[in-house]
Amino acid sequence: MFFIPLLVAAGLAGGGLWLYTPDEPRSVLVAEYAQPPSVFLTVAGIRLHVRDTGPRTAPAIIMLHGLGSSLHTWDAWAARLSHHYRVIRYDLPGFGLTGPDPTGDYSEARGLQVLGALMDSLGVRHASLIGNSMGGELAWEFAAAHPDRVDKLVLISPEGFASPMFAYNKPPDVPWVAKLLPYTLPTALLRMGLEPAYGDPSRLSDDVVRRYRDMILAPGVREALLARAAQVRLQPPEPMLRRIRAPTLLVWGEKDALIPYRNAGDYLAVMPNWRLLVFGDLGHVPMEEAPARSLAPVAMFLAQ
């Protein structure tokens, strides 16, 4: 979703707080978070945590979560969309119950390879893609690289353009205190890192905070987060964006404190025919903060 772990690590260093937090046992997390319809599929050399619901003959939708998140961020949307679509979602490599990629490669090219291989494994020739933040960037990059495989795009606060933390053609400015992440993750500081994702932080429930914490504490995930951060190399996105042919809905919460709403203008300057959907009172994760209200116009777009 965003740099939750780095915010937490910075808070720890600034406050002098030290609480050792070990990984959660994988068996415990699987028992709680990977009950049916979850399955584990080996794809492109990595064992992915996948949910594949809805009619197999219906049009396919693939959902891609953000940094620090998991497939569970889509629970409410997936439950509704599965009545009419085949809905596929998975924990991206390095996250959740998929965990670390054995290759150690967290580049954009590897993400595209895994997504394409999963589609092939499931017999999905083409699909609509819904992506949030980091997952939004993966979605539009896949649409640019494989335009014949993408029907429609829904991009929710997608990454892709330069920002104060991400400059083009250089690694991000990751603070040294991030090295504390594998050793500690206090719940109170994690909540502080999550609240900027919500337009109204009071909507962030204790259950959701616990789920994020459990997924970050899955074995190897914290180390994978740091490895991914070190490998990011942002490229100017305009040439790739211009290759996209799929009808695209750009979704933004006006109160997004992580990737600000004004960034929508960067995309629309390159792709003026994209549609923009704005929620004035929501933040970075409208599918969590107000699932029914945020899904209604997205479902209309998908059905058109």
C-alpha atoms as a PDB file:
ATOM      1  CA  MET A   1       0.000   0.000   0.000  1.00  0.00           C
ATOM      2  CA  PHE A   2       2.692   2.459   1.049  1.00  0.00           C
ATOM      3  CA  PHE A   3       5.754   2.715   3.286  1.00  0.00           C
ATOM      4  CA  ILE A   4       4.036   1.645   6.500  1.00  0.00           C
ATOM      5  CA  PRO A   5       7.150  -0.206   7.712  1.00  0.00           C
ATOM      6  CA  LEU A   6       9.414   2.788   7.134  1.00  0.00           C
ATOM      7  CA  LEU A   7       7.060   5.065   9.043  1.00  0.00           C
ATOM      8  CA  VAL A   8       7.007   2.597  11.896  1.00  0.00           C
ATOM      9  CA  ALA A   9      10.790   2.277  11.938  1.00  0.00           C
ATOM     10  CA  ALA A  10      11.207   6.049  11.922  1.00  0.00           C
ATOM     11  CA  GLY A  11       8.810   6.343  14.841  1.00  0.00           C
ATOM     12  CA  LEU A  12      10.752   3.742  16.770  1.00  0.00           C
ATOM     13  CA  ALA A  13      14.052   5.509  16.264  1.00  0.00           C
ATOM     14  CA  GLY A  14      12.603   8.912  17.086  1.00  0.00           C
ATOM     15  CA  GLY A  15      10.868   7.730  20.235  1.00  0.00           C
ATOM     16  CA  GLY A  16      13.578   5.439  21.503  1.00  0.00           C
ATOM     17  CA  LEU A  17      11.092   2.579  21.696  1.00  0.00           C
ATOM     18  CA  TRP A  18      12.406  -0.986  21.394  1.00  0.00           C
ATOM     19  CA  LEU A  19      10.053  -3.967  21.492  1.00  0.00           C
ATOM     20  CA  TYR A  20      11.268  -7.174  19.883  1.00  0.00           C
ATOM     21  CA  THR A  21       8.584  -8.629  17.618  1.00  0.00           C
ATOM     22  CA  PRO A  22       9.282 -12.067  16.086  1.00  0.00           C
ATOM     23  CA  ASP A  23       7.592 -13.415  12.969  1.00  0.00           C
ATOM     24  CA  GLU A  24       4.223 -15.071  13.460  1.00  0.00           C
ATOM     25  CA  PRO A  25       4.212 -18.851  12.817  1.00  0.00           C
ATOM     26  CA  ARG A  26       3.171 -19.516   9.253  1.00  0.00           C
ATOM     27  CA  SER A  27       0.846 -22.343  10.301  1.00  0.00           C
ATOM     28  CA  VAL A  28      -1.113 -19.979  12.568  1.00  0.00           C
ATOM     29  CA  LEU A  29      -1.479 -17.345   9.839  1.00  0.00           C
ATOM     30  CA  VAL A  30      -2.529 -19.908   7.232  1.00  0.00           C
ATOM     31  CA  ALA A  31      -5.177 -21.288   9.585  1.00  0.00           C
ATOM     32  CA  GLU A  32      -6.667 -17.817  10.082  1.00  0.00           C
ATOM     33  CA  TYR A  33      -6.164 -16.107   6.726  1.00  0.00           C
ATOM     34  CA  ALA A  34      -5.974 -18.869   4.102  1.00  0.00           C
ATOM     35  CA  GLN A  35      -9.109 -20.898   4.602  1.00  0.00           C
ATOM     36  CA  PRO A  36     -11.063 -21.855   1.432  1.00  0.00           C
ATOM     37  CA  PRO A  37     -11.394 -20.408  -1.130  1.00  0.00           C
ATOM     38  CA  SER A  38      -7.672 -19.728  -0.662  1.00  0.00           C
ATOM     39  CA  VAL A  39      -5.277 -22.011  -2.523  1.00  0.00           C
ATOM     40  CA  PHE A  40      -1.508 -22.070  -2.960  1.00  0.00           C
ATOM     41  CA  LEU A  41      -0.243 -22.322  -6.538  1.00  0.00           C
ATOM     42  CA  THR A  42       3.368 -22.593  -7.666  1.00  0.00           C
ATOM     43  CA  VAL A  43       3.789 -20.116 -10.512  1.00  0.00           C
ATOM     44  CA  ALA A  44       7.046 -18.894 -12.091  1.00  0.00           C
ATOM     45  CA  GLY A  45       8.994 -20.553  -9.283  1.00  0.00           C
ATOM     46  CA  ILE A  46       7.065 -18.959  -6.402  1.00  0.00           C
ATOM     47  CA  ARG A  47       4.223 -20.338  -4.273  1.00  0.00           C
ATOM     48  CA  LEU A  48       1.408 -17.793  -4.496  1.00  0.00           C
ATOM     49  CA  HIS A  49      -1.487 -17.379  -2.081  1.00  0.00           C
ATOM     50  CA  VAL A  50      -4.459 -17.080  -4.470  1.00  0.00           C
ATOM     51  CA  ARG A  51      -8.235 -16.725  -4.314  1.00  0.00           C
ATOM     52  CA  ASP A  52     -10.199 -17.492  -7.481  1.00  0.00           C
ATOM     53  CA  THR A  53     -13.965 -17.036  -7.060  1.00  0.00           C
ATOM     54  CA  GLY A  54     -17.038 -16.575  -9.210  1.00  0.00           C
ATOM     55  CA  PRO A  55     -18.163 -18.360 -12.387  1.00  0.00           C
ATOM     56  CA  ARG A  56     -15.241 -19.756 -14.365  1.00  0.00           C
ATOM     57  CA  THR A  57     -16.965 -18.875 -17.632  1.00  0.00           C
ATOM     58  CA  ALA A  58     -17.551 -15.223 -16.660  1.00  0.00           C
ATOM     59  CA  PRO A  59     -15.253 -12.344 -17.661  1.00  0.00           C
ATOM     60  CA  ALA A  60     -12.156 -12.336 -15.462  1.00  0.00           C
ATOM     61  CA  ILE A  61     -11.025  -9.592 -13.079  1.00  0.00           C
ATOM     62  CA  ILE A  62      -7.608  -9.643 -11.394  1.00  0.00           C
ATOM     63  CA  MET A  63      -7.059  -7.518  -8.276  1.00  0.00           C
ATOM     64  CA  LEU A  64      -3.600  -6.269  -7.283  1.00  0.00           C
ATOM     65  CA  HIS A  65      -2.978  -4.865  -3.792  1.00  0.00           C
ATOM     66  CA  GLY A  66      -0.577  -2.188  -2.611  1.00  0.00           C
ATOM     67  CA  LEU A  67       2.683  -2.167  -0.650  1.00  0.00           C
ATOM     68  CA  GLY A  68       2.441  -3.758   2.792  1.00  0.00           C
ATOM     69  CA  SER A  69      -1.018  -5.136   2.042  1.00  0.00           C
ATOM     70  CA  SER A  70      -2.483  -8.483   0.938  1.00  0.00           C
ATOM     71  CA  LEU A  71      -5.330  -9.944  -1.098  1.00  0.00           C
ATOM     72  CA  HIS A  72      -7.644  -9.353   1.900  1.00  0.00           C
ATOM     73  CA  THR A  73      -7.810  -5.644   1.116  1.00  0.00           C
ATOM     74  CA  TRP A  74     -10.286  -6.612  -1.661  1.00  0.00           C
ATOM     75  CA  ASP A  75     -12.592  -8.807   0.462  1.00  0.00           C
ATOM     76  CA  ALA A  76     -15.691  -6.617   0.213  1.00  0.00           C
ATOM     77  CA  TRP A  77     -15.309  -5.814  -3.488  1.00  0.00           C
ATOM     78  CA  ALA A  78     -14.505  -9.415  -4.388  1.00  0.00           C
ATOM     79  CA  ALA A  79     -17.593 -10.733  -2.570  1.00  0.00           C
ATOM     80  CA  ARG A  80     -19.875  -8.522  -4.666  1.00  0.00           C
ATOM     81  CA  LEU A  81     -18.072  -8.797  -8.001  1.00  0.00           C
ATOM     82  CA  SER A  82     -17.913 -12.601  -7.761  1.00  0.00           C
ATOM     83  CA  HIS A  83     -21.643 -12.762  -8.507  1.00  0.00           C
ATOM     84  CA  HIS A  84     -20.970 -11.686 -12.101  1.00  0.00           C
ATOM     85  CA  TYR A  85     -17.236 -12.110 -12.727  1.00  0.00           C
ATOM     86  CA  ARG A  86     -14.425 -14.548 -12.192  1.00  0.00           C
ATOM     87  CA  VAL A  87     -12.445 -12.663  -9.538  1.00  0.00           C
ATOM     88  CA  ILE A  88      -8.766 -13.553  -9.037  1.00  0.00           C
ATOM     89  CA  ARG A  89      -6.560 -11.978  -6.387  1.00  0.00           C
ATOM     90  CA  TYR A  90      -3.255 -12.971  -4.864  1.00  0.00           C
ATOM     91  CA  ASP A  91      -0.641 -11.880  -2.355  1.00  0.00           C
ATOM     92  CA  LEU A  92       2.040 -10.320  -4.522  1.00  0.00           C
ATOM     93  CA  PRO A  93       5.590 -11.705  -4.208  1.00  0.00           C
ATOM     94  CA  GLY A  94       7.136 -10.511  -0.961  1.00  0.00           C
ATOM     95  CA  PHE A  95       3.804  -9.982   0.791  1.00  0.00           C
ATOM     96  CA  GLY A  96       1.275 -11.806   2.934  1.00  0.00           C
ATOM     97  CA  LEU A  97       1.149 -15.571   2.760  1.00  0.00           C
ATOM     98  CA  THR A  98       2.968 -15.680  -0.565  1.00  0.00           C
ATOM     99  CA  GLY A  99       6.011 -14.406   1.287  1.00  0.00           C
ATOM    100  CA  PRO A 100       9.493 -13.878  -0.129  1.00  0.00           C
ATOM    101  CA  ASP A 101      10.292 -14.589  -3.763  1.00  0.00           C
ATOM    102  CA  PRO A 102      12.967 -17.332  -3.840  1.00  0.00           C
ATOM    103  CA  THR A 103      14.674 -15.448  -6.668  1.00  0.00           C
ATOM    104  CA  GLY A 104      15.109 -12.357  -4.493  1.00  0.00           C
ATOM    105  CA  ASP A 105      13.974 -10.315  -7.513  1.00  0.00           C
ATOM    106  CA  TYR A 106      11.305  -7.694  -6.763  1.00  0.00           C
ATOM    107  CA  SER A 107      11.688  -5.671  -9.935  1.00  0.00           C
ATOM    108  CA  GLU A 108       8.810  -4.499 -12.102  1.00  0.00           C
ATOM    109  CA  ALA A 109       9.842  -7.022 -14.752  1.00  0.00           C
ATOM    110  CA  ARG A 110       9.536  -9.873 -12.247  1.00  0.00           C
ATOM    111  CA  GLY A 111       6.108  -8.644 -11.159  1.00  0.00           C
ATOM    112  CA  LEU A 112       4.915  -8.655 -14.780  1.00  0.00           C
ATOM    113  CA  GLN A 113       6.354 -12.134 -15.308  1.00  0.00           C
ATOM    114  CA  VAL A 114       4.526 -13.556 -12.274  1.00  0.00           C
ATOM    115  CA  LEU A 115       1.210 -11.932 -13.232  1.00  0.00           C
ATOM    116  CA  GLY A 116       1.387 -13.270 -16.775  1.00  0.00           C
ATOM    117  CA  ALA A 117       2.385 -16.735 -15.582  1.00  0.00           C
ATOM    118  CA  LEU A 118      -0.519 -16.808 -13.109  1.00  0.00           C
ATOM    119  CA  MET A 119      -2.960 -15.938 -15.879  1.00  0.00           C
ATOM    120  CA  ASP A 120      -1.502 -18.722 -18.027  1.00  0.00           C
ATOM    121  CA  SER A 121      -1.675 -21.199 -15.146  1.00  0.00           C
ATOM    122  CA  LEU A 122      -5.356 -20.402 -14.567  1.00  0.00           C
ATOM    123  CA  GLY A 123      -6.229 -20.462 -18.268  1.00  0.00           C
ATOM    124  CA  VAL A 124      -7.079 -16.749 -18.357  1.00  0.00           C
ATOM    125  CA  ARG A 125      -6.240 -15.338 -21.775  1.00  0.00           C
ATOM    126  CA  HIS A 126      -7.315 -11.789 -20.926  1.00  0.00           C
ATOM    127  CA  ALA A 127      -8.830  -9.949 -17.957  1.00  0.00           C
ATOM    128  CA  SER A 128      -9.694  -6.584 -16.495  1.00  0.00           C
ATOM    129  CA  LEU A 129      -7.167  -5.408 -13.901  1.00  0.00           C
ATOM    130  CA  ILE A 130      -7.928  -3.499 -10.705  1.00  0.00           C
ATOM    131  CA  GLY A 131      -4.863  -2.201  -8.857  1.00  0.00           C
ATOM    132  CA  ASN A 132      -4.237  -0.007  -5.833  1.00  0.00           C
ATOM    133  CA  SER A 133      -1.061   2.057  -5.327  1.00  0.00           C
ATOM    134  CA  MET A 134       1.867  -0.279  -6.106  1.00  0.00           C
ATOM    135  CA  GLY A 135      -0.651  -2.734  -7.562  1.00  0.00           C
ATOM    136  CA  GLY A 136      -2.008   0.058  -9.739  1.00  0.00           C
ATOM    137  CA  GLU A 137       1.418   0.610 -11.243  1.00  0.00           C
ATOM    138  CA  LEU A 138       1.777  -3.125 -11.862  1.00  0.00           C
ATOM    139  CA  ALA A 139      -1.642  -3.105 -13.562  1.00  0.00           C
ATOM    140  CA  TRP A 140      -0.896  -0.288 -15.983  1.00  0.00           C
ATOM    141  CA  GLU A 141       2.590  -1.598 -16.734  1.00  0.00           C
ATOM    142  CA  PHE A 142       1.080  -4.986 -17.621  1.00  0.00           C
ATOM    143  CA  ALA A 143      -1.515  -3.260 -19.820  1.00  0.00           C
ATOM    144  CA  ALA A 144       1.286  -1.398 -21.609  1.00  0.00           C
ATOM    145  CA  ALA A 145       3.409  -4.529 -22.075  1.00  0.00           C
ATOM    146  CA  HIS A 146       0.521  -6.853 -23.005  1.00  0.00           C
ATOM    147  CA  PRO A 147      -2.312  -4.737 -24.455  1.00  0.00           C
ATOM    148  CA  ASP A 148      -4.020  -7.794 -25.943  1.00  0.00           C
ATOM    149  CA  ARG A 149      -4.450  -9.348 -22.480  1.00  0.00           C
ATOM    150  CA  VAL A 150      -6.155  -6.448 -20.684  1.00  0.00           C
ATOM    151  CA  ASP A 151      -9.834  -5.625 -21.216  1.00  0.00           C
ATOM    152  CA  LYS A 152     -10.246  -2.710 -18.785  1.00  0.00           C
ATOM    153  CA  LEU A 153      -8.177  -0.968 -16.127  1.00  0.00           C
ATOM    154  CA  VAL A 154      -9.254   0.411 -12.754  1.00  0.00           C
ATOM    155  CA  LEU A 155      -6.344   2.266 -11.153  1.00  0.00           C
ATOM    156  CA  ILE A 156      -6.799   3.383  -7.541  1.00  0.00           C
ATOM    157  CA  SER A 157      -4.211   6.008  -6.506  1.00  0.00           C
ATOM    158  CA  PRO A 158      -1.574   4.300  -8.675  1.00  0.00           C
ATOM    159  CA  GLU A 159       2.148   4.771  -8.260  1.00  0.00           C
ATOM    160  CA  GLY A 160       4.294   5.626 -11.259  1.00  0.00           C
ATOM    161  CA  PHE A 161       5.358   9.269 -11.314  1.00  0.00           C
ATOM    162  CA  ALA A 162       8.278  10.803  -9.429  1.00  0.00           C
ATOM    163  CA  SER A 163       7.636  12.080  -5.904  1.00  0.00           C
ATOM    164  CA  PRO A 164       9.711  13.431  -2.996  1.00  0.00           C
ATOM    165  CA  MET A 165      10.603   9.838  -2.014  1.00  0.00           C
ATOM    166  CA  PHE A 166      10.987   8.438  -5.543  1.00  0.00           C
ATOM    167  CA  ALA A 167      13.168  10.069  -8.184  1.00  0.00           C
ATOM    168  CA  TYR A 168      13.640   8.701 -11.675  1.00  0.00           C
ATOM    169  CA  ASN A 169      16.517   6.283 -12.376  1.00  0.00           C
ATOM    170  CA  LYS A 170      17.803   6.098  -8.811  1.00  0.00           C
ATOM    171  CA  PRO A 171      17.006   4.041  -5.719  1.00  0.00           C
ATOM    172  CA  PRO A 172      14.550   5.562  -3.247  1.00  0.00           C
ATOM    173  CA  ASP A 173      15.732   7.425  -0.196  1.00  0.00           C
ATOM    174  CA  VAL A 174      15.184   4.669   2.366  1.00  0.00           C
ATOM    175  CA  PRO A 175      16.142   5.817   5.883  1.00  0.00           C
ATOM    176  CA  TRP A 176      18.680   3.735   7.779  1.00  0.00           C
ATOM    177  CA  VAL A 177      16.198   3.246  10.620  1.00  0.00           C
ATOM    178  CA  ALA A 178      14.226   0.979   8.294  1.00  0.00           C
ATOM    179  CA  LYS A 179      16.741  -1.713   9.240  1.00  0.00           C
ATOM    180  CA  LEU A 180      14.886  -1.945  12.561  1.00  0.00           C
ATOM    181  CA  LEU A 181      11.812  -3.347  10.827  1.00  0.00           C
ATOM    182  CA  PRO A 182      12.783  -7.061  10.988  1.00  0.00           C
ATOM    183  CA  TYR A 183      13.053  -6.803  14.753  1.00  0.00           C
ATOM    184  CA  THR A 184      10.023  -4.836  15.915  1.00  0.00           C
ATOM    185  CA  LEU A 185       6.500  -3.797  14.915  1.00  0.00           C
ATOM    186  CA  PRO A 186       4.472  -2.183  17.740  1.00  0.00           C
ATOM    187  CA  THR A 187       0.757  -2.087  16.980  1.00  0.00           C
ATOM    188  CA  ALA A 188       0.323   1.557  18.032  1.00  0.00           C
ATOM    189  CA  LEU A 189       2.983   2.744  15.606  1.00  0.00           C
ATOM    190  CA  LEU A 190       1.620   0.553  12.834  1.00  0.00           C
ATOM    191  CA  ARG A 191      -1.789   2.182  13.315  1.00  0.00           C
ATOM    192  CA  MET A 192      -0.097   5.587  12.993  1.00  0.00           C
ATOM    193  CA  GLY A 193       1.375   4.427   9.691  1.00  0.00           C
ATOM    194  CA  LEU A 194      -1.980   3.174   8.420  1.00  0.00           C
ATOM    195  CA  GLU A 195      -4.161   6.136   9.394  1.00  0.00           C
ATOM    196  CA  PRO A 196      -2.961   8.432   6.556  1.00  0.00           C
ATOM    197  CA  ALA A 197      -4.479   5.907   4.118  1.00  0.00           C
ATOM    198  CA  TYR A 198      -7.963   6.774   5.370  1.00  0.00           C
ATOM    199  CA  GLY A 199      -9.833  10.002   4.751  1.00  0.00           C
ATOM    200  CA  ASP A 200     -11.453   9.467   8.139  1.00  0.00           C
ATOM    201  CA  PRO A 201      -9.056   7.531  10.408  1.00  0.00           C
ATOM    202  CA  SER A 202     -11.945   6.563  12.696  1.00  0.00           C
ATOM    203  CA  ARG A 203     -13.008   4.135   9.952  1.00  0.00           C
ATOM    204  CA  LEU A 204      -9.794   2.151  10.451  1.00  0.00           C
ATOM    205  CA  SER A 205     -10.882  -0.761  12.642  1.00  0.00           C
ATOM    206  CA  ASP A 206      -8.787  -2.722  15.120  1.00  0.00           C
ATOM    207  CA  ASP A 207      -9.432  -5.876  13.054  1.00  0.00           C
ATOM    208  CA  VAL A 208      -7.957  -4.279   9.939  1.00  0.00           C
ATOM    209  CA  VAL A 209      -4.898  -3.069  11.854  1.00  0.00           C
ATOM    210  CA  ARG A 210      -4.420  -6.569  13.238  1.00  0.00           C
ATOM    211  CA  ARG A 211      -4.679  -8.083   9.755  1.00  0.00           C
ATOM    212  CA  TYR A 212      -2.029  -5.725   8.357  1.00  0.00           C
ATOM    213  CA  ARG A 213       0.220  -6.479  11.304  1.00  0.00           C
ATOM    214  CA  ASP A 214      -0.201 -10.236  10.911  1.00  0.00           C
ATOM    215  CA  MET A 215       0.559 -10.079   7.191  1.00  0.00           C
ATOM    216  CA  ILE A 216       3.686  -7.982   7.756  1.00  0.00           C
ATOM    217  CA  LEU A 217       4.769 -10.455  10.449  1.00  0.00           C
ATOM    218  CA  ALA A 218       4.424 -13.423   8.098  1.00  0.00           C
ATOM    219  CA  PRO A 219       7.809 -15.189   7.846  1.00  0.00           C
ATOM    220  CA  GLY A 220      10.276 -13.308   5.665  1.00  0.00           C
ATOM    221  CA  VAL A 221       7.924 -10.475   4.680  1.00  0.00           C
ATOM    222  CA  ARG A 222       9.719  -7.711   6.555  1.00  0.00           C
ATOM    223  CA  GLU A 223      13.038  -8.596   4.956  1.00  0.00           C
ATOM    224  CA  ALA A 224      11.325  -8.783   1.559  1.00  0.00           C
ATOM    225  CA  LEU A 225       9.866  -5.299   2.047  1.00  0.00           C
ATOM    226  CA  LEU A 226      13.350  -3.891   2.592  1.00  0.00           C
ATOM    227  CA  ALA A 227      14.745  -5.839  -0.374  1.00  0.00           C
ATOM    228  CA  ARG A 228      11.973  -4.499  -2.600  1.00  0.00           C
ATOM    229  CA  ALA A 229      12.610  -0.924  -1.479  1.00  0.00           C
ATOM    230  CA  ALA A 230      16.301  -1.252  -2.346  1.00  0.00           C
ATOM    231  CA  GLN A 231      15.480  -2.528  -5.847  1.00  0.00           C
ATOM    232  CA  VAL A 232      12.987   0.137  -6.944  1.00  0.00           C
ATOM    233  CA  ARG A 233      14.129   2.016 -10.053  1.00  0.00           C
ATOM    234  CA  LEU A 234      11.451   4.425 -11.206  1.00  0.00           C
ATOM    235  CA  GLN A 235      11.411   5.233 -14.923  1.00  0.00           C
ATOM    236  CA  PRO A 236       9.548   8.113 -16.597  1.00  0.00           C
ATOM    237  CA  PRO A 237       6.159   6.505 -17.248  1.00  0.00           C
ATOM    238  CA  GLU A 238       4.905   8.514 -20.222  1.00  0.00           C
ATOM    239  CA  PRO A 239       6.211   6.197 -22.996  1.00  0.00           C
ATOM    240  CA  MET A 240       4.650   3.141 -21.326  1.00  0.00           C
ATOM    241  CA  LEU A 241       1.358   4.868 -20.549  1.00  0.00           C
ATOM    242  CA  ARG A 242       0.915   5.852 -24.199  1.00  0.00           C
ATOM    243  CA  ARG A 243       0.968   2.166 -25.196  1.00  0.00           C
ATOM    244  CA  ILE A 244      -2.137   1.372 -23.141  1.00  0.00           C
ATOM    245  CA  ARG A 245      -5.260   0.653 -25.187  1.00  0.00           C
ATOM    246  CA  ALA A 246      -7.627  -0.560 -22.464  1.00  0.00           C
ATOM    247  CA  PRO A 247     -10.444   1.747 -21.305  1.00  0.00           C
ATOM    248  CA  THR A 248      -9.271   3.069 -17.953  1.00  0.00           C
ATOM    249  CA  LEU A 249     -10.968   4.417 -14.843  1.00  0.00           C
ATOM    250  CA  LEU A 250      -8.682   6.421 -12.542  1.00  0.00           C
ATOM    251  CA  VAL A 251      -9.956   6.442  -8.948  1.00  0.00           C
ATOM    252  CA  TRP A 252      -8.714   8.834  -6.279  1.00  0.00           C
ATOM    253  CA  GLY A 253      -9.701   9.854  -2.777  1.00  0.00           C
ATOM    254  CA  GLU A 254      -9.392  13.600  -2.360  1.00  0.00           C
ATOM    255  CA  LYS A 255      -8.123  13.050   1.204  1.00  0.00           C
ATOM    256  CA  ASP A 256      -5.368  10.643   0.151  1.00  0.00           C
ATOM    257  CA  ALA A 257      -2.379  11.649   2.300  1.00  0.00           C
ATOM    258  CA  LEU A 258      -0.041   9.088   0.713  1.00  0.00           C
ATOM    259  CA  ILE A 259      -0.315   9.695  -3.038  1.00  0.00           C
ATOM    260  CA  PRO A 260      -2.121  13.036  -3.248  1.00  0.00           C
ATOM    261  CA  TYR A 261      -5.152  13.590  -5.438  1.00  0.00           C
ATOM    262  CA  ARG A 262      -3.300  16.202  -7.510  1.00  0.00           C
ATOM    263  CA  ASN A 263      -1.193  13.363  -8.952  1.00  0.00           C
ATOM    264  CA  ALA A 264      -4.223  12.338 -11.004  1.00  0.00           C
ATOM    265  CA  GLY A 265      -3.370  15.286 -13.228  1.00  0.00           C
ATOM    266  CA  ASP A 266      -0.044  13.674 -14.152  1.00  0.00           C
ATOM    267  CA  TYR A 267      -1.893  10.694 -15.625  1.00  0.00           C
ATOM    268  CA  LEU A 268      -4.606  12.722 -17.333  1.00  0.00           C
ATOM    269  CA  ALA A 269      -2.023  14.983 -18.972  1.00  0.00           C
ATOM    270  CA  VAL A 270      -0.654  11.903 -20.756  1.00  0.00           C
ATOM    271  CA  MET A 271      -3.941  10.002 -21.182  1.00  0.00           C
ATOM    272  CA  PRO A 272      -6.699  12.646 -21.489  1.00  0.00           C
ATOM    273  CA  ASN A 273      -9.321  10.057 -22.480  1.00  0.00           C
ATOM    274  CA  TRP A 274      -9.088   8.241 -19.161  1.00  0.00           C
ATOM    275  CA  ARG A 275     -12.070   8.702 -16.864  1.00  0.00           C
ATOM    276  CA  LEU A 276     -11.507  10.155 -13.393  1.00  0.00           C
ATOM    277  CA  LEU A 277     -13.602   9.173 -10.372  1.00  0.00           C
ATOM    278  CA  VAL A 278     -13.026  11.259  -7.237  1.00  0.00           C
ATOM    279  CA  PHE A 279     -14.309  10.603  -3.713  1.00  0.00           C
ATOM    280  CA  GLY A 280     -14.160  13.839  -1.764  1.00  0.00           C
ATOM    281  CA  ASP A 281     -14.133  12.295   1.700  1.00  0.00           C
ATOM    282  CA  LEU A 282     -12.048   9.134   1.146  1.00  0.00           C
ATOM    283  CA  GLY A 283      -8.348   8.363   1.194  1.00  0.00           C
ATOM    284  CA  HIS A 284      -5.898   5.913  -0.347  1.00  0.00           C
ATOM    285  CA  VAL A 285      -7.921   2.703   0.072  1.00  0.00           C
ATOM    286  CA  PRO A 286     -11.579   3.422  -0.771  1.00  0.00           C
ATOM    287  CA  MET A 287     -12.252  -0.325  -1.150  1.00  0.00           C
ATOM    288  CA  GLU A 288     -11.538  -0.665   2.588  1.00  0.00           C
ATOM    289  CA  GLU A 289     -12.837   2.662   3.861  1.00  0.00           C
ATOM    290  CA  ALA A 290     -16.224   2.715   2.084  1.00  0.00           C
ATOM    291  CA  PRO A 291     -16.469  -0.518   0.069  1.00  0.00           C
ATOM    292  CA  ALA A 292     -20.109  -0.429  -1.060  1.00  0.00           C
ATOM    293  CA  ARG A 293     -20.101   3.243  -2.055  1.00  0.00           C
ATOM    294  CA  SER A 294     -16.749   3.108  -3.829  1.00  0.00           C
ATOM    295  CA  LEU A 295     -17.561  -0.087  -5.721  1.00  0.00           C
ATOM    296  CA  ALA A 296     -20.867   1.093  -7.225  1.00  0.00           C
ATOM    297  CA  PRO A 297     -19.369   3.379  -9.950  1.00  0.00           C
ATOM    298  CA  VAL A 298     -16.491   0.956 -10.526  1.00  0.00           C
ATOM    299  CA  ALA A 299     -18.968  -1.871 -11.143  1.00  0.00           C
ATOM    300  CA  MET A 300     -20.852   0.348 -13.628  1.00  0.00           C
ATOM    301  CA  PHE A 301     -17.606   1.022 -15.502  1.00  0.00           C
ATOM    302  CA  LEU A 302     -16.759  -2.678 -15.653  1.00  0.00           C
ATOM    303  CA  ALA A 303     -20.229  -3.547 -16.918  1.00  0.00           C
ATOM    304  CA  GLN A 304     -20.263  -1.005 -19.748  1.00  0.00           C
END
